[in-house]
């Protein structure tokens, strides 16, 4: 795998720009995947389909979560990219406010394209999910993402989207 230099992921939300420091030294395969999908424009217009107040906002379903191309509310959160799943890259980093983690199924090696941003600390995720980035600017805009229905595992009826996702 080629050496990945430290990059910033910029996510434009309805309320402003969020800057995320990617951590290739911690999770090189996950950072490489995020950079690839973002560079191809696949994250643009993808919904925050699962948002739980006091916990996290989940997005990145490039298969069923794009509000302009193939939005499927009933399937959002079940899809991924055309790439193979990624093996877990657990670290000793803590899931604190602003941490980016890779979403997955019960299988620790099933991460693909979906990820989440922590609203608050969630240390119960430490060593269970791959942490690959940290919000360094614009967390106040993440805080404004529309929350989902607590009774329905955070499912969002009319979700906010990542308008544009770029790697700098």
Protein backbone atom coordinates (compact mmCIF):
# COMPACT_ATOMS: atom_id res chain seq x y z
CA UNK A 1 0.00 0.00 0.00
CA UNK A 2 1.30 3.42 -0.93
CA UNK A 3 2.25 5.83 1.83
CA UNK A 4 -0.63 8.19 2.55
CA UNK A 5 0.32 11.68 3.59
CA UNK A 6 -1.69 13.42 6.25
CA UNK A 7 -4.73 15.00 4.65
CA UNK A 8 -7.77 16.96 5.68
CA UNK A 9 -11.29 15.89 4.81
CA UNK A 10 -13.62 18.85 4.27
CA UNK A 11 -17.35 18.21 4.54
CA UNK A 12 -19.71 20.99 3.53
CA UNK A 13 -22.93 20.83 5.55
CA UNK A 14 -26.01 23.09 5.25
CA UNK A 15 -24.71 25.22 8.14
CA UNK A 16 -20.99 25.35 7.31
CA UNK A 17 -17.68 23.64 6.63
CA UNK A 18 -16.34 20.82 8.83
CA UNK A 19 -12.60 20.11 8.72
CA UNK A 20 -11.38 16.67 9.74
CA UNK A 21 -7.79 15.64 10.29
CA UNK A 22 -7.38 12.14 8.85
CA UNK A 23 -5.10 9.74 10.72
CA UNK A 24 -3.25 7.58 8.15
CA UNK A 25 -0.65 6.56 10.73
CA UNK A 26 -3.44 5.02 12.85
CA UNK A 27 -5.75 3.52 10.20
CA UNK A 28 -4.06 3.63 6.77
CA UNK A 29 -6.51 1.32 4.95
CA UNK A 30 -9.54 3.22 6.23
CA UNK A 31 -8.07 6.62 5.39
CA UNK A 32 -7.13 5.36 1.93
CA UNK A 33 -10.75 4.23 1.35
CA UNK A 34 -12.28 7.51 2.55
CA UNK A 35 -9.85 9.53 0.40
CA UNK A 36 -10.64 7.36 -2.65
CA UNK A 37 -14.42 7.64 -2.30
CA UNK A 38 -14.30 11.38 -1.51
CA UNK A 39 -11.96 12.03 -4.45
CA UNK A 40 -14.42 10.26 -6.75
CA UNK A 41 -17.25 12.50 -5.47
CA UNK A 42 -19.19 9.52 -4.11
CA UNK A 43 -19.90 11.15 -0.73
CA UNK A 44 -21.50 14.28 -2.22
CA UNK A 45 -25.23 14.48 -1.36
CA UNK A 46 -25.10 11.42 0.92
CA UNK A 47 -27.49 11.53 3.88
CA UNK A 48 -26.87 11.34 7.60
CA UNK A 49 -29.31 8.43 7.76
CA UNK A 50 -28.81 7.48 11.44
CA UNK A 51 -28.38 10.27 13.98
CA UNK A 52 -28.67 9.64 17.71
CA UNK A 53 -28.69 12.64 20.04
CA UNK A 54 -25.84 12.51 22.56
CA UNK A 55 -24.08 9.78 20.57
CA UNK A 56 -23.26 10.13 16.86
CA UNK A 57 -24.27 11.01 13.28
CA UNK A 58 -23.81 8.21 10.72
CA UNK A 59 -23.41 8.73 6.97
CA UNK A 60 -21.48 7.37 4.01
CA UNK A 61 -23.89 4.88 2.43
CA UNK A 62 -22.88 5.64 -1.16
CA UNK A 63 -25.14 2.87 -2.50
CA UNK A 64 -28.54 3.77 -0.96
CA UNK A 65 -27.92 7.05 0.86
CA UNK A 66 -27.42 9.58 -1.93
CA UNK A 67 -30.38 11.98 -1.99
CA UNK A 68 -29.79 12.79 -5.67
CA UNK A 69 -28.80 9.33 -6.95
CA UNK A 70 -30.64 6.30 -5.66
CA UNK A 71 -31.94 7.47 -2.25
CA UNK A 72 -33.75 4.58 -0.62
CA UNK A 73 -34.90 5.44 2.90
CA UNK A 74 -35.76 1.85 3.76
CA UNK A 75 -32.30 0.61 2.68
CA UNK A 76 -30.16 3.60 3.70
CA UNK A 77 -27.52 2.30 6.07
CA UNK A 78 -27.37 -1.16 4.53
CA UNK A 79 -25.19 -0.33 1.52
CA UNK A 80 -21.58 0.35 0.76
CA UNK A 81 -19.29 1.02 -2.16
CA UNK A 82 -18.14 -1.25 -4.98
CA UNK A 83 -14.88 -1.76 -3.06
CA UNK A 84 -14.09 -4.77 -0.87
CA UNK A 85 -14.68 -4.52 2.87
CA UNK A 86 -11.75 -3.40 5.03
CA UNK A 87 -10.17 -5.29 7.91
CA UNK A 88 -10.39 -3.58 11.28
CA UNK A 89 -7.55 -1.26 12.33
CA UNK A 90 -8.17 -0.87 16.04
CA UNK A 91 -6.00 1.51 18.04
CA UNK A 92 -5.67 2.88 21.55
CA UNK A 93 -7.23 6.21 20.52
CA UNK A 94 -10.38 7.20 22.40
CA UNK A 95 -13.78 7.84 20.86
CA UNK A 96 -14.15 11.39 22.14
CA UNK A 97 -16.31 14.23 20.83
CA UNK A 98 -15.52 14.83 17.14
CA UNK A 99 -13.90 11.44 16.53
CA UNK A 100 -14.62 9.73 13.20
CA UNK A 101 -15.22 6.02 13.32
CA UNK A 102 -15.89 3.53 10.58
CA UNK A 103 -19.33 1.91 10.70
CA UNK A 104 -19.58 -1.83 10.28
CA UNK A 105 -21.89 -4.80 10.86
CA UNK A 106 -21.36 -7.36 13.63
CA UNK A 107 -18.23 -8.51 11.78
CA UNK A 108 -15.30 -6.26 12.82
CA UNK A 109 -13.86 -6.66 9.31
CA UNK A 110 -16.96 -5.44 7.45
CA UNK A 111 -16.26 -1.69 7.18
CA UNK A 112 -16.74 -0.32 3.68
CA UNK A 113 -17.89 3.28 3.10
CA UNK A 114 -20.05 4.31 6.05
CA UNK A 115 -18.69 6.31 8.96
CA UNK A 116 -19.88 8.28 11.96
CA UNK A 117 -18.97 11.46 13.81
CA UNK A 118 -19.24 11.44 17.60
CA UNK A 119 -21.38 14.15 19.28
CA UNK A 120 -20.07 13.10 22.71
CA UNK A 121 -17.51 10.63 24.03
CA UNK A 122 -18.35 6.99 23.49
CA UNK A 123 -15.51 5.09 25.12
CA UNK A 124 -17.48 1.84 24.95
CA UNK A 125 -16.50 1.88 21.23
CA UNK A 126 -12.75 1.97 22.03
CA UNK A 127 -10.99 -1.05 20.56
CA UNK A 128 -14.25 -2.18 18.92
CA UNK A 129 -14.42 0.21 15.94
CA UNK A 130 -11.74 1.78 13.76
CA UNK A 131 -11.09 5.44 14.55
CA UNK A 132 -9.58 7.22 11.54
CA UNK A 133 -10.09 10.96 11.97
CA UNK A 134 -10.87 13.89 14.27
CA UNK A 135 -12.92 17.03 13.65
CA UNK A 136 -10.59 20.02 14.08
CA UNK A 137 -12.95 22.79 12.94
CA UNK A 138 -16.69 23.14 12.48
CA UNK A 139 -18.01 20.84 15.20
CA UNK A 140 -20.73 23.43 15.85
CA UNK A 141 -22.08 22.58 12.37
CA UNK A 142 -22.04 18.85 13.13
CA UNK A 143 -24.07 19.63 16.26
CA UNK A 144 -26.82 21.07 14.02
CA UNK A 145 -27.36 17.85 12.03
CA UNK A 146 -31.01 16.75 12.21
CA UNK A 147 -31.51 14.05 14.83
CA UNK A 148 -33.35 10.83 14.15
CA UNK A 149 -36.07 8.97 16.00
CA UNK A 150 -34.67 7.48 19.22
CA UNK A 151 -37.37 4.76 19.13
CA UNK A 152 -36.26 3.78 15.61
CA UNK A 153 -32.48 3.49 16.23
CA UNK A 154 -31.84 7.07 15.10
CA UNK A 155 -33.47 6.75 11.66
CA UNK A 156 -33.96 10.22 10.17
CA UNK A 157 -37.18 11.01 8.32
CA UNK A 158 -35.82 14.04 6.39
CA UNK A 159 -32.04 13.78 6.69
CA UNK A 160 -29.34 16.37 6.27
CA UNK A 161 -26.67 15.57 3.70
CA UNK A 162 -22.98 16.03 3.09
CA UNK A 163 -23.36 18.59 0.29
CA UNK A 164 -19.73 18.27 -0.81
CA UNK A 165 -16.83 16.18 0.49
CA UNK A 166 -13.28 17.05 -0.56
CA UNK A 167 -9.78 15.99 0.38
CA UNK A 168 -7.25 18.79 0.88
